[in-house]
Amino acid sequence: MLAIILYLFRFVRLVGSGHQAVAVENLAFASCNAGGRIQAKAALTAPRHFVQEDTIVRWQRERFRRFRSVLLIKQLLDFAARNER
């Protein structure tokens, strides 16, 4: 019964908090589950940074523009090769 009350308290707290609190909770949960592996893995990976949502959207748009431009170039080259005759 106590576990359910604690679970509900943590759930309500996380719902009311922001994205960074949820990320910290996930990191804490992962470190509890990983045991001794988290120290070795943390030494090998790059430092983690929190990024604004606008930056992620900008990165996705830039990547999509590059993808579309490459796709358009391929289509134009294919069209030119077919109409070359």
Foldseek 3Di string as FASTA:
>chain_A
DVVVVVVVVVVVVVVPDDPVVVVVVVVVVVCVVVDPVVVVVVVPDDDDDDDDPVVVVVVVVVVVVVVVVVVVVVVVVVVCVVPVD
